[in-house]
Amino acid sequence: MGLWNKLVFGLGNRPQTFGLLLVCMIVILFPFFVDVFWIRLVSEFAIMALFALAYNFVLGQAGLFSFGHGGIFGLAAYLLVVPVTKGLTSLPFAFVASLLLTTMTSYVIGWFCLRLTGIYFSILTLAFSQLIWVAIWKFRSITGGDDGLIGLQVPSLFSSPMGQYFFILTTVTLSVVLIRIINNSPFGFTLKALRENSRRAAFTGINVKRYQLMAFTVSGFFSGLAGIVFAIFTRGAFVEFASVSKSFEPVFAAIVGGVSNFTGPLIGAGFMLALNHFVGRFTEYWPSISGIILIGVMLFLPKGIVGTVTSLVDNMNKGIVSARRRT
């Protein structure tokens, strides 16, 4: 049990374990005391949090700045919705096939993009994302073009908002636990070494490109899973799922929340969703506000919200300890 806590949550004392259990209880009981709007809002937050965590596996863990994850997200959604709505296969089979095909596509995209570094890598990922977006837009007879595809039939078990909530919660929770385990594995620590100094890591015998490609593929797997679950959530797929703005969402969530903290992208996803749903009620220019916030965070809170708060708490604790030692 101690090893599990260390790998997954890093819990070493009872207060943290109690807090985790309390959060789990609140999340489970939450849909029984609120209306449908809040159930769907929290469901959407869970999906976006998974998308942000998947992206941060590349940015925060491996140090690769990608602008192409929106394309992977949208591709996975369409690979699920197209065969099901066309009556070619069942939803469970399409779910698995979409996830596998998206992971393979992520591998191929990563293989090409990792031939470049820095800003050139970022631009090439954006180019691949735009290729996917254009393909979805142009092949109207298959994808529905700018109208998208609607009418995805889901099993009755999670056809209701309540059933959908617990399906999404279960999927996202298992994914978050798995990402946490990978982060704290030897593979995850190797990626951190590459992020800090890839040249020095290469001198020790580490195959830098291979590890970066594996990281990009793992990130694509979880980004694809988020896209699949989002397609089930919306009962369809739309070209906006693969747009540049969709690629911007996990970037915003990771940077605002904090790329160096595991919970940072989760907080950032919640912040972004709040801007969309609540600030968006008062102005249609909420993306501009998001841009201003992103610039402000990068200039004045380079560690993100979670990183800054963590640093402040650590400094306060150090100050308290040093004051006690003096007395």
C-alpha atoms as a PDB file:
ATOM      1  CA  MET A   1       0.000   0.000   0.000  1.00  0.00           C
ATOM      2  CA  GLY A   2       2.894   2.352   0.812  1.00  0.00           C
ATOM      3  CA  LEU A   3       4.469   1.704  -2.592  1.00  0.00           C
ATOM      4  CA  TRP A   4       1.126   2.352  -4.327  1.00  0.00           C
ATOM      5  CA  ASN A   5       0.714   5.657  -2.521  1.00  0.00           C
ATOM      6  CA  LYS A   6       4.256   6.639  -3.386  1.00  0.00           C
ATOM      7  CA  LEU A   7       3.848   5.799  -7.058  1.00  0.00           C
ATOM      8  CA  VAL A   8       0.405   7.238  -7.583  1.00  0.00           C
ATOM      9  CA  PHE A   9      -0.216  10.017  -5.115  1.00  0.00           C
ATOM     10  CA  GLY A  10       2.960  10.465  -3.139  1.00  0.00           C
ATOM     11  CA  LEU A  11       0.937  10.233   0.075  1.00  0.00           C
ATOM     12  CA  GLY A  12       3.014   9.701   3.144  1.00  0.00           C
ATOM     13  CA  ASN A  13       0.770  10.761   6.002  1.00  0.00           C
ATOM     14  CA  ARG A  14      -2.771  10.299   7.213  1.00  0.00           C
ATOM     15  CA  PRO A  15      -4.063  13.861   6.635  1.00  0.00           C
ATOM     16  CA  GLN A  16      -3.276  13.600   2.906  1.00  0.00           C
ATOM     17  CA  THR A  17      -4.913  10.182   2.677  1.00  0.00           C
ATOM     18  CA  PHE A  18      -7.978  11.471   4.521  1.00  0.00           C
ATOM     19  CA  GLY A  19      -8.154  14.467   2.188  1.00  0.00           C
ATOM     20  CA  LEU A  20      -8.024  12.200  -0.844  1.00  0.00           C
ATOM     21  CA  LEU A  21     -10.810  10.000   0.505  1.00  0.00           C
ATOM     22  CA  LEU A  22     -12.894  13.093   1.263  1.00  0.00           C
ATOM     23  CA  VAL A  23     -12.467  14.379  -2.301  1.00  0.00           C
ATOM     24  CA  CYS A  24     -13.439  10.976  -3.715  1.00  0.00           C
ATOM     25  CA  MET A  25     -16.583  10.930  -1.577  1.00  0.00           C
ATOM     26  CA  ILE A  26     -17.563  14.439  -2.680  1.00  0.00           C
ATOM     27  CA  VAL A  27     -17.039  13.581  -6.358  1.00  0.00           C
ATOM     28  CA  ILE A  28     -19.145  10.420  -6.076  1.00  0.00           C
ATOM     29  CA  LEU A  29     -22.004  12.089  -4.195  1.00  0.00           C
ATOM     30  CA  PHE A  30     -21.877  15.331  -6.198  1.00  0.00           C
ATOM     31  CA  PRO A  31     -24.346  14.425  -9.019  1.00  0.00           C
ATOM     32  CA  PHE A  32     -27.047  13.397  -6.545  1.00  0.00           C
ATOM     33  CA  PHE A  33     -27.366  16.955  -5.167  1.00  0.00           C
ATOM     34  CA  VAL A  34     -27.056  19.190  -8.247  1.00  0.00           C
ATOM     35  CA  ASP A  35     -28.942  19.743 -11.489  1.00  0.00           C
ATOM     36  CA  VAL A  36     -27.993  18.533 -14.967  1.00  0.00           C
ATOM     37  CA  PHE A  37     -26.043  21.696 -15.863  1.00  0.00           C
ATOM     38  CA  TRP A  38     -23.486  21.138 -13.121  1.00  0.00           C
ATOM     39  CA  ILE A  39     -23.241  17.421 -13.854  1.00  0.00           C
ATOM     40  CA  ARG A  40     -22.399  18.148 -17.485  1.00  0.00           C
ATOM     41  CA  LEU A  41     -20.040  20.971 -16.538  1.00  0.00           C
ATOM     42  CA  VAL A  42     -18.013  18.744 -14.208  1.00  0.00           C
ATOM     43  CA  SER A  43     -18.032  15.985 -16.834  1.00  0.00           C
ATOM     44  CA  GLU A  44     -16.604  18.405 -19.394  1.00  0.00           C
ATOM     45  CA  PHE A  45     -14.021  19.576 -16.871  1.00  0.00           C
ATOM     46  CA  ALA A  46     -12.886  15.985 -16.285  1.00  0.00           C
ATOM     47  CA  ILE A  47     -12.364  15.442 -20.020  1.00  0.00           C
ATOM     48  CA  MET A  48     -10.490  18.718 -20.469  1.00  0.00           C
ATOM     49  CA  ALA A  49      -8.378  17.919 -17.397  1.00  0.00           C
ATOM     50  CA  LEU A  50      -7.378  14.600 -18.976  1.00  0.00           C
ATOM     51  CA  PHE A  51      -6.552  16.392 -22.237  1.00  0.00           C
ATOM     52  CA  ALA A  52      -4.408  18.928 -20.360  1.00  0.00           C
ATOM     53  CA  LEU A  53      -2.592  16.200 -18.411  1.00  0.00           C
ATOM     54  CA  ALA A  54      -1.967  14.264 -21.616  1.00  0.00           C
ATOM     55  CA  TYR A  55      -0.484  17.366 -23.224  1.00  0.00           C
ATOM     56  CA  ASN A  56       1.614  18.171 -20.170  1.00  0.00           C
ATOM     57  CA  PHE A  57       3.213  14.744 -20.433  1.00  0.00           C
ATOM     58  CA  VAL A  58       4.976  16.121 -23.502  1.00  0.00           C
ATOM     59  CA  LEU A  59       5.522  19.682 -22.267  1.00  0.00           C
ATOM     60  CA  GLY A  60       6.095  19.339 -18.532  1.00  0.00           C
ATOM     61  CA  GLN A  61       7.628  15.868 -18.527  1.00  0.00           C
ATOM     62  CA  ALA A  62       9.639  15.772 -21.758  1.00  0.00           C
ATOM     63  CA  GLY A  63      10.069  19.496 -22.427  1.00  0.00           C
ATOM     64  CA  LEU A  64       8.545  19.387 -25.934  1.00  0.00           C
ATOM     65  CA  PHE A  65       6.317  22.304 -26.916  1.00  0.00           C
ATOM     66  CA  SER A  66       3.645  20.953 -29.267  1.00  0.00           C
ATOM     67  CA  PHE A  67       0.881  22.861 -31.057  1.00  0.00           C
ATOM     68  CA  GLY A  68      -0.638  19.783 -32.654  1.00  0.00           C
ATOM     69  CA  HIS A  69      -2.605  18.016 -29.959  1.00  0.00           C
ATOM     70  CA  GLY A  70      -5.894  19.454 -31.143  1.00  0.00           C
ATOM     71  CA  GLY A  71      -5.509  17.463 -34.344  1.00  0.00           C
ATOM     72  CA  ILE A  72      -4.944  14.244 -32.384  1.00  0.00           C
ATOM     73  CA  PHE A  73      -7.948  15.033 -30.180  1.00  0.00           C
ATOM     74  CA  GLY A  74     -10.208  15.640 -33.183  1.00  0.00           C
ATOM     75  CA  LEU A  75      -8.902  12.668 -35.152  1.00  0.00           C
ATOM     76  CA  ALA A  76      -9.759  10.294 -32.321  1.00  0.00           C
ATOM     77  CA  ALA A  77     -13.268  11.729 -32.059  1.00  0.00           C
ATOM     78  CA  TYR A  78     -13.933  11.260 -35.782  1.00  0.00           C
ATOM     79  CA  LEU A  79     -12.411   7.777 -35.875  1.00  0.00           C
ATOM     80  CA  LEU A  80     -15.003   6.821 -33.256  1.00  0.00           C
ATOM     81  CA  VAL A  81     -18.038   8.681 -34.605  1.00  0.00           C
ATOM     82  CA  VAL A  82     -17.707   8.026 -38.358  1.00  0.00           C
ATOM     83  CA  PRO A  83     -17.898   4.200 -38.352  1.00  0.00           C
ATOM     84  CA  VAL A  84     -20.591   4.113 -35.649  1.00  0.00           C
ATOM     85  CA  THR A  85     -22.905   6.691 -37.261  1.00  0.00           C
ATOM     86  CA  LYS A  86     -22.404   5.075 -40.678  1.00  0.00           C
ATOM     87  CA  GLY A  87     -23.434   1.721 -39.203  1.00  0.00           C
ATOM     88  CA  LEU A  88     -20.101   0.064 -39.971  1.00  0.00           C
ATOM     89  CA  THR A  89     -19.322  -1.198 -36.490  1.00  0.00           C
ATOM     90  CA  SER A  90     -20.361  -1.118 -32.845  1.00  0.00           C
ATOM     91  CA  LEU A  91     -19.331   1.544 -30.347  1.00  0.00           C
ATOM     92  CA  PRO A  92     -17.047  -0.703 -28.206  1.00  0.00           C
ATOM     93  CA  PHE A  93     -15.106  -1.924 -31.248  1.00  0.00           C
ATOM     94  CA  ALA A  94     -14.855   1.630 -32.629  1.00  0.00           C
ATOM     95  CA  PHE A  95     -13.664   2.828 -29.216  1.00  0.00           C
ATOM     96  CA  VAL A  96     -10.725   0.415 -29.194  1.00  0.00           C
ATOM     97  CA  ALA A  97      -9.945   0.808 -32.911  1.00  0.00           C
ATOM     98  CA  SER A  98     -10.004   4.609 -32.662  1.00  0.00           C
ATOM     99  CA  LEU A  99      -7.642   4.573 -29.699  1.00  0.00           C
ATOM    100  CA  LEU A 100      -5.194   2.245 -31.464  1.00  0.00           C
ATOM    101  CA  LEU A 101      -5.273   4.176 -34.746  1.00  0.00           C
ATOM    102  CA  THR A 102      -4.828   7.505 -32.950  1.00  0.00           C
ATOM    103  CA  THR A 103      -1.852   6.136 -31.022  1.00  0.00           C
ATOM    104  CA  MET A 104      -0.275   4.867 -34.254  1.00  0.00           C
ATOM    105  CA  THR A 105      -0.890   8.234 -35.910  1.00  0.00           C
ATOM    106  CA  SER A 106       0.723   9.998 -32.945  1.00  0.00           C
ATOM    107  CA  TYR A 107       3.759   7.774 -33.366  1.00  0.00           C
ATOM    108  CA  VAL A 108       4.034   8.668 -37.049  1.00  0.00           C
ATOM    109  CA  ILE A 109       3.569  12.399 -36.400  1.00  0.00           C
ATOM    110  CA  GLY A 110       6.129  12.278 -33.600  1.00  0.00           C
ATOM    111  CA  TRP A 111       8.599  10.375 -35.807  1.00  0.00           C
ATOM    112  CA  PHE A 112       8.506  13.146 -38.420  1.00  0.00           C
ATOM    113  CA  CYS A 113       8.352  16.116 -36.035  1.00  0.00           C
ATOM    114  CA  LEU A 114      11.175  14.982 -33.766  1.00  0.00           C
ATOM    115  CA  ARG A 115      13.596  15.295 -36.650  1.00  0.00           C
ATOM    116  CA  LEU A 116      13.466  18.996 -35.749  1.00  0.00           C
ATOM    117  CA  THR A 117      13.894  20.757 -32.418  1.00  0.00           C
ATOM    118  CA  GLY A 118      12.693  23.899 -30.688  1.00  0.00           C
ATOM    119  CA  ILE A 119      10.276  26.187 -32.497  1.00  0.00           C
ATOM    120  CA  TYR A 120      10.642  24.149 -35.709  1.00  0.00           C
ATOM    121  CA  PHE A 121       9.283  21.093 -33.900  1.00  0.00           C
ATOM    122  CA  SER A 122       6.338  23.150 -32.616  1.00  0.00           C
ATOM    123  CA  ILE A 123       5.516  24.534 -36.079  1.00  0.00           C
ATOM    124  CA  LEU A 124       5.670  21.078 -37.650  1.00  0.00           C
ATOM    125  CA  THR A 125       3.246  19.663 -35.074  1.00  0.00           C
ATOM    126  CA  LEU A 126       0.917  22.557 -35.890  1.00  0.00           C
ATOM    127  CA  ALA A 127       1.230  21.729 -39.596  1.00  0.00           C
ATOM    128  CA  PHE A 128       0.201  18.111 -38.996  1.00  0.00           C
ATOM    129  CA  SER A 129      -2.715  19.281 -36.874  1.00  0.00           C
ATOM    130  CA  GLN A 130      -3.855  21.551 -39.703  1.00  0.00           C
ATOM    131  CA  LEU A 131      -3.571  18.677 -42.179  1.00  0.00           C
ATOM    132  CA  ILE A 132      -5.991  16.682 -40.031  1.00  0.00           C
ATOM    133  CA  TRP A 133      -8.311  19.696 -39.729  1.00  0.00           C
ATOM    134  CA  VAL A 134      -8.319  20.272 -43.498  1.00  0.00           C
ATOM    135  CA  ALA A 135      -8.982  16.585 -44.182  1.00  0.00           C
ATOM    136  CA  ILE A 136     -11.969  16.650 -41.844  1.00  0.00           C
ATOM    137  CA  TRP A 137     -13.221  19.857 -43.472  1.00  0.00           C
ATOM    138  CA  LYS A 138     -12.808  18.719 -47.082  1.00  0.00           C
ATOM    139  CA  PHE A 139     -14.042  15.102 -46.936  1.00  0.00           C
ATOM    140  CA  ARG A 140     -17.590  16.244 -46.353  1.00  0.00           C
ATOM    141  CA  SER A 141     -19.211  13.023 -47.568  1.00  0.00           C
ATOM    142  CA  ILE A 142     -17.463  11.138 -44.757  1.00  0.00           C
ATOM    143  CA  THR A 143     -17.004  13.664 -41.961  1.00  0.00           C
ATOM    144  CA  GLY A 144     -19.925  16.021 -42.577  1.00  0.00           C
ATOM    145  CA  GLY A 145     -17.543  18.928 -43.178  1.00  0.00           C
ATOM    146  CA  ASP A 146     -18.339  22.049 -41.182  1.00  0.00           C
ATOM    147  CA  ASP A 147     -21.692  20.534 -40.131  1.00  0.00           C
ATOM    148  CA  GLY A 148     -19.986  17.718 -38.270  1.00  0.00           C
ATOM    149  CA  LEU A 149     -21.591  14.405 -37.373  1.00  0.00           C
ATOM    150  CA  ILE A 150     -24.323  14.045 -34.775  1.00  0.00           C
ATOM    151  CA  GLY A 151     -26.553  11.281 -33.502  1.00  0.00           C
ATOM    152  CA  LEU A 152     -23.945   8.993 -31.954  1.00  0.00           C
ATOM    153  CA  GLN A 153     -25.839   6.198 -30.219  1.00  0.00           C
ATOM    154  CA  VAL A 154     -24.405   5.178 -26.855  1.00  0.00           C
ATOM    155  CA  PRO A 155     -25.337   2.266 -24.560  1.00  0.00           C
ATOM    156  CA  SER A 156     -28.225   2.932 -22.221  1.00  0.00           C
ATOM    157  CA  LEU A 157     -25.878   2.424 -19.266  1.00  0.00           C
ATOM    158  CA  PHE A 158     -24.389   5.889 -19.773  1.00  0.00           C
ATOM    159  CA  SER A 159     -26.971   7.565 -21.975  1.00  0.00           C
ATOM    160  CA  SER A 160     -28.290   9.671 -19.061  1.00  0.00           C
ATOM    161  CA  PRO A 161     -26.275  12.593 -17.634  1.00  0.00           C
ATOM    162  CA  MET A 162     -25.767  10.634 -14.404  1.00  0.00           C
ATOM    163  CA  GLY A 163     -24.553   7.486 -16.163  1.00  0.00           C
ATOM    164  CA  GLN A 164     -22.376   9.560 -18.471  1.00  0.00           C
ATOM    165  CA  TYR A 165     -20.883  11.359 -15.474  1.00  0.00           C
ATOM    166  CA  PHE A 166     -19.754   8.135 -13.808  1.00  0.00           C
ATOM    167  CA  PHE A 167     -18.461   6.695 -17.102  1.00  0.00           C
ATOM    168  CA  ILE A 168     -16.356   9.806 -17.698  1.00  0.00           C
ATOM    169  CA  LEU A 169     -15.272   9.943 -14.057  1.00  0.00           C
ATOM    170  CA  THR A 170     -14.131   6.307 -14.120  1.00  0.00           C
ATOM    171  CA  THR A 171     -12.273   6.674 -17.428  1.00  0.00           C
ATOM    172  CA  VAL A 172     -10.550   9.892 -16.426  1.00  0.00           C
ATOM    173  CA  THR A 173      -9.642   8.668 -12.942  1.00  0.00           C
ATOM    174  CA  LEU A 174      -8.011   5.499 -14.270  1.00  0.00           C
ATOM    175  CA  SER A 175      -6.154   7.546 -16.880  1.00  0.00           C
ATOM    176  CA  VAL A 176      -4.916  10.078 -14.321  1.00  0.00           C
ATOM    177  CA  VAL A 177      -3.671   7.272 -12.064  1.00  0.00           C
ATOM    178  CA  LEU A 178      -1.889   5.649 -15.001  1.00  0.00           C
ATOM    179  CA  ILE A 179      -0.265   8.936 -16.030  1.00  0.00           C
ATOM    180  CA  ARG A 180       0.874   9.461 -12.453  1.00  0.00           C
ATOM    181  CA  ILE A 181       2.417   5.991 -12.349  1.00  0.00           C
ATOM    182  CA  ILE A 182       4.232   6.615 -15.644  1.00  0.00           C
ATOM    183  CA  ASN A 183       5.497   9.978 -14.358  1.00  0.00           C
ATOM    184  CA  ASN A 184       6.996   8.303 -11.288  1.00  0.00           C
ATOM    185  CA  SER A 185       8.445   5.361 -13.199  1.00  0.00           C
ATOM    186  CA  PRO A 186      12.054   5.090 -14.446  1.00  0.00           C
ATOM    187  CA  PHE A 187      10.744   6.091 -17.871  1.00  0.00           C
ATOM    188  CA  GLY A 188       9.223   9.254 -16.390  1.00  0.00           C
ATOM    189  CA  PHE A 189      12.420  10.187 -14.555  1.00  0.00           C
ATOM    190  CA  THR A 190      14.398   9.651 -17.748  1.00  0.00           C
ATOM    191  CA  LEU A 191      12.110  12.104 -19.520  1.00  0.00           C
ATOM    192  CA  LYS A 192      12.724  14.638 -16.761  1.00  0.00           C
ATOM    193  CA  ALA A 193      16.467  14.230 -17.322  1.00  0.00           C
ATOM    194  CA  LEU A 194      15.961  14.901 -21.036  1.00  0.00           C
ATOM    195  CA  ARG A 195      13.875  17.962 -20.215  1.00  0.00           C
ATOM    196  CA  GLU A 196      16.563  19.435 -17.993  1.00  0.00           C
ATOM    197  CA  ASN A 197      19.534  18.710 -20.285  1.00  0.00           C
ATOM    198  CA  SER A 198      19.059  16.461 -23.285  1.00  0.00           C
ATOM    199  CA  ARG A 199      22.685  16.811 -24.387  1.00  0.00           C
ATOM    200  CA  ARG A 200      24.033  15.625 -21.054  1.00  0.00           C
ATOM    201  CA  ALA A 201      21.518  12.774 -21.048  1.00  0.00           C
ATOM    202  CA  ALA A 202      22.729  11.731 -24.499  1.00  0.00           C
ATOM    203  CA  PHE A 203      26.309  11.621 -23.197  1.00  0.00           C
ATOM    204  CA  THR A 204      25.213   9.047 -20.601  1.00  0.00           C
ATOM    205  CA  GLY A 205      24.018   6.724 -23.373  1.00  0.00           C
ATOM    206  CA  ILE A 206      20.290   7.586 -23.413  1.00  0.00           C
ATOM    207  CA  ASN A 207      18.664   7.478 -26.847  1.00  0.00           C
ATOM    208  CA  VAL A 208      17.083  10.932 -26.675  1.00  0.00           C
ATOM    209  CA  LYS A 209      14.922  10.741 -29.804  1.00  0.00           C
ATOM    210  CA  ARG A 210      13.547   7.325 -28.895  1.00  0.00           C
ATOM    211  CA  TYR A 211      12.446   8.451 -25.435  1.00  0.00           C
ATOM    212  CA  GLN A 212      10.953  11.651 -26.810  1.00  0.00           C
ATOM    213  CA  LEU A 213       9.063   9.656 -29.438  1.00  0.00           C
ATOM    214  CA  MET A 214       7.728   7.333 -26.741  1.00  0.00           C
ATOM    215  CA  ALA A 215       6.623  10.356 -24.703  1.00  0.00           C
ATOM    216  CA  PHE A 216       4.865  11.895 -27.706  1.00  0.00           C
ATOM    217  CA  THR A 217       3.106   8.598 -28.420  1.00  0.00           C
ATOM    218  CA  VAL A 218       1.954   8.177 -24.819  1.00  0.00           C
ATOM    219  CA  SER A 219       0.689  11.758 -24.845  1.00  0.00           C
ATOM    220  CA  GLY A 220      -1.133  11.055 -28.111  1.00  0.00           C
ATOM    221  CA  PHE A 221      -2.732   7.963 -26.602  1.00  0.00           C
ATOM    222  CA  PHE A 222      -4.255   9.887 -23.702  1.00  0.00           C
ATOM    223  CA  SER A 223      -5.143  12.887 -25.896  1.00  0.00           C
ATOM    224  CA  GLY A 224      -6.951  10.485 -28.200  1.00  0.00           C
ATOM    225  CA  LEU A 225      -8.749   8.935 -25.251  1.00  0.00           C
ATOM    226  CA  ALA A 226      -9.891  12.412 -24.199  1.00  0.00           C
ATOM    227  CA  GLY A 227     -11.153  13.053 -27.742  1.00  0.00           C
ATOM    228  CA  ILE A 228     -13.061   9.757 -27.791  1.00  0.00           C
ATOM    229  CA  VAL A 229     -14.716  10.428 -24.448  1.00  0.00           C
ATOM    230  CA  PHE A 230     -15.556  13.977 -25.544  1.00  0.00           C
ATOM    231  CA  ALA A 231     -17.231  12.619 -28.690  1.00  0.00           C
ATOM    232  CA  ILE A 232     -19.345  10.330 -26.489  1.00  0.00           C
ATOM    233  CA  PHE A 233     -20.091  13.298 -24.228  1.00  0.00           C
ATOM    234  CA  THR A 234     -21.287  15.475 -27.128  1.00  0.00           C
ATOM    235  CA  ARG A 235     -22.865  12.533 -29.037  1.00  0.00           C
ATOM    236  CA  GLY A 236     -21.006  13.587 -32.162  1.00  0.00           C
ATOM    237  CA  ALA A 237     -17.871  15.047 -33.712  1.00  0.00           C
ATOM    238  CA  PHE A 238     -17.275  18.496 -35.166  1.00  0.00           C
ATOM    239  CA  VAL A 239     -14.470  20.052 -37.154  1.00  0.00           C
ATOM    240  CA  GLU A 240     -13.728  22.436 -34.276  1.00  0.00           C
ATOM    241  CA  PHE A 241     -12.411  19.439 -32.331  1.00  0.00           C
ATOM    242  CA  ALA A 242      -9.289  19.513 -34.532  1.00  0.00           C
ATOM    243  CA  SER A 243      -8.923  23.289 -34.817  1.00  0.00           C
ATOM    244  CA  VAL A 244      -6.038  25.492 -33.721  1.00  0.00           C
ATOM    245  CA  SER A 245      -8.157  26.822 -30.850  1.00  0.00           C
ATOM    246  CA  LYS A 246      -8.559  23.266 -29.537  1.00  0.00           C
ATOM    247  CA  SER A 247      -4.770  22.860 -29.654  1.00  0.00           C
ATOM    248  CA  PHE A 248      -4.485  26.067 -27.638  1.00  0.00           C
ATOM    249  CA  GLU A 249      -6.684  24.770 -24.803  1.00  0.00           C
ATOM    250  CA  PRO A 250      -4.227  22.269 -23.231  1.00  0.00           C
ATOM    251  CA  VAL A 251      -1.385  24.755 -23.742  1.00  0.00           C
ATOM    252  CA  PHE A 252      -3.330  27.367 -21.792  1.00  0.00           C
ATOM    253  CA  ALA A 253      -4.313  24.900 -19.064  1.00  0.00           C
ATOM    254  CA  ALA A 254      -0.774  23.575 -18.596  1.00  0.00           C
ATOM    255  CA  ILE A 255       0.964  26.963 -18.535  1.00  0.00           C
ATOM    256  CA  VAL A 256      -1.606  28.742 -16.363  1.00  0.00           C
ATOM    257  CA  GLY A 257      -1.848  25.845 -13.922  1.00  0.00           C
ATOM    258  CA  GLY A 258       1.864  25.116 -13.910  1.00  0.00           C
ATOM    259  CA  VAL A 259       3.763  22.648 -16.080  1.00  0.00           C
ATOM    260  CA  SER A 260       6.090  21.492 -13.300  1.00  0.00           C
ATOM    261  CA  ASN A 261       3.284  20.279 -11.008  1.00  0.00           C
ATOM    262  CA  PHE A 262       1.118  17.249 -11.653  1.00  0.00           C
ATOM    263  CA  THR A 263      -2.039  19.050 -10.513  1.00  0.00           C
ATOM    264  CA  GLY A 264      -1.205  22.231 -12.440  1.00  0.00           C
ATOM    265  CA  PRO A 265      -2.950  21.270 -15.707  1.00  0.00           C
ATOM    266  CA  LEU A 266      -6.005  20.169 -13.707  1.00  0.00           C
ATOM    267  CA  ILE A 267      -6.323  23.614 -12.123  1.00  0.00           C
ATOM    268  CA  GLY A 268      -5.618  25.256 -15.463  1.00  0.00           C
ATOM    269  CA  ALA A 269      -8.356  23.217 -17.154  1.00  0.00           C
ATOM    270  CA  GLY A 270     -10.853  24.313 -14.518  1.00  0.00           C
ATOM    271  CA  PHE A 271      -9.772  27.933 -14.930  1.00  0.00           C
ATOM    272  CA  MET A 272     -10.165  27.726 -18.716  1.00  0.00           C
ATOM    273  CA  LEU A 273     -13.599  26.114 -18.461  1.00  0.00           C
ATOM    274  CA  ALA A 274     -14.736  28.812 -16.040  1.00  0.00           C
ATOM    275  CA  LEU A 275     -13.666  31.484 -18.535  1.00  0.00           C
ATOM    276  CA  ASN A 276     -15.546  29.741 -21.319  1.00  0.00           C
ATOM    277  CA  HIS A 277     -18.824  29.111 -19.507  1.00  0.00           C
ATOM    278  CA  PHE A 278     -19.097  32.057 -17.124  1.00  0.00           C
ATOM    279  CA  VAL A 279     -17.093  34.909 -18.645  1.00  0.00           C
ATOM    280  CA  GLY A 280     -18.414  33.836 -22.058  1.00  0.00           C
ATOM    281  CA  ARG A 281     -21.926  34.717 -20.880  1.00  0.00           C
ATOM    282  CA  PHE A 282     -20.990  38.390 -20.683  1.00  0.00           C
ATOM    283  CA  THR A 283     -18.741  38.774 -23.703  1.00  0.00           C
ATOM    284  CA  GLU A 284     -17.982  36.884 -26.884  1.00  0.00           C
ATOM    285  CA  TYR A 285     -14.373  38.025 -26.636  1.00  0.00           C
ATOM    286  CA  TRP A 286     -13.478  35.711 -23.766  1.00  0.00           C
ATOM    287  CA  PRO A 287     -10.625  34.135 -25.824  1.00  0.00           C
ATOM    288  CA  SER A 288      -8.982  37.567 -25.824  1.00  0.00           C
ATOM    289  CA  ILE A 289      -9.239  37.614 -22.045  1.00  0.00           C
ATOM    290  CA  SER A 290      -7.661  34.150 -22.005  1.00  0.00           C
ATOM    291  CA  GLY A 291      -4.769  35.480 -24.070  1.00  0.00           C
ATOM    292  CA  ILE A 292      -4.235  38.404 -21.698  1.00  0.00           C
ATOM    293  CA  ILE A 293      -4.295  36.038 -18.706  1.00  0.00           C
ATOM    294  CA  LEU A 294      -1.800  33.716 -20.406  1.00  0.00           C
ATOM    295  CA  ILE A 295       0.594  36.605 -21.086  1.00  0.00           C
ATOM    296  CA  GLY A 296       0.231  37.801 -17.484  1.00  0.00           C
ATOM    297  CA  VAL A 297       0.941  34.353 -16.073  1.00  0.00           C
ATOM    298  CA  MET A 298       4.025  33.893 -18.248  1.00  0.00           C
ATOM    299  CA  LEU A 299       5.381  37.308 -17.220  1.00  0.00           C
ATOM    300  CA  PHE A 300       4.513  37.430 -13.517  1.00  0.00           C
ATOM    301  CA  LEU A 301       3.769  33.810 -12.523  1.00  0.00           C
ATOM    302  CA  PRO A 302       6.217  31.742 -14.601  1.00  0.00           C
ATOM    303  CA  LYS A 303       5.624  28.707 -12.386  1.00  0.00           C
ATOM    304  CA  GLY A 304       1.869  28.870 -12.947  1.00  0.00           C
ATOM    305  CA  ILE A 305      -0.836  29.118 -10.305  1.00  0.00           C
ATOM    306  CA  VAL A 306      -0.046  25.830  -8.554  1.00  0.00           C
ATOM    307  CA  GLY A 307       3.709  26.289  -8.779  1.00  0.00           C
ATOM    308  CA  THR A 308       3.548  29.813  -7.351  1.00  0.00           C
ATOM    309  CA  VAL A 309       1.256  28.802  -4.489  1.00  0.00           C
ATOM    310  CA  THR A 310       3.477  25.811  -3.714  1.00  0.00           C
ATOM    311  CA  SER A 311       6.581  28.016  -3.631  1.00  0.00           C
ATOM    312  CA  LEU A 312       4.885  30.515  -1.320  1.00  0.00           C
ATOM    313  CA  VAL A 313       3.785  27.753   1.059  1.00  0.00           C
ATOM    314  CA  ASP A 314       7.283  26.236   1.050  1.00  0.00           C
ATOM    315  CA  ASN A 315       8.863  29.611   1.813  1.00  0.00           C
ATOM    316  CA  MET A 316       6.377  30.199   4.636  1.00  0.00           C
ATOM    317  CA  ASN A 317       7.154  26.785   6.113  1.00  0.00           C
ATOM    318  CA  LYS A 318      10.887  27.443   5.883  1.00  0.00           C
ATOM    319  CA  GLY A 319      10.376  30.779   7.600  1.00  0.00           C
ATOM    320  CA  ILE A 320       8.398  29.160  10.405  1.00  0.00           C
ATOM    321  CA  VAL A 321      11.025  26.440  10.879  1.00  0.00           C
ATOM    322  CA  SER A 322      13.899  28.934  10.951  1.00  0.00           C
ATOM    323  CA  ALA A 323      11.998  31.151  13.444  1.00  0.00           C
ATOM    324  CA  ARG A 324      11.443  28.188  15.744  1.00  0.00           C
ATOM    325  CA  ARG A 325      15.134  27.317  15.599  1.00  0.00           C
ATOM    326  CA  ARG A 326      16.074  30.832  16.664  1.00  0.00           C
ATOM    327  CA  THR A 327      13.780  30.651  19.666  1.00  0.00           C
END
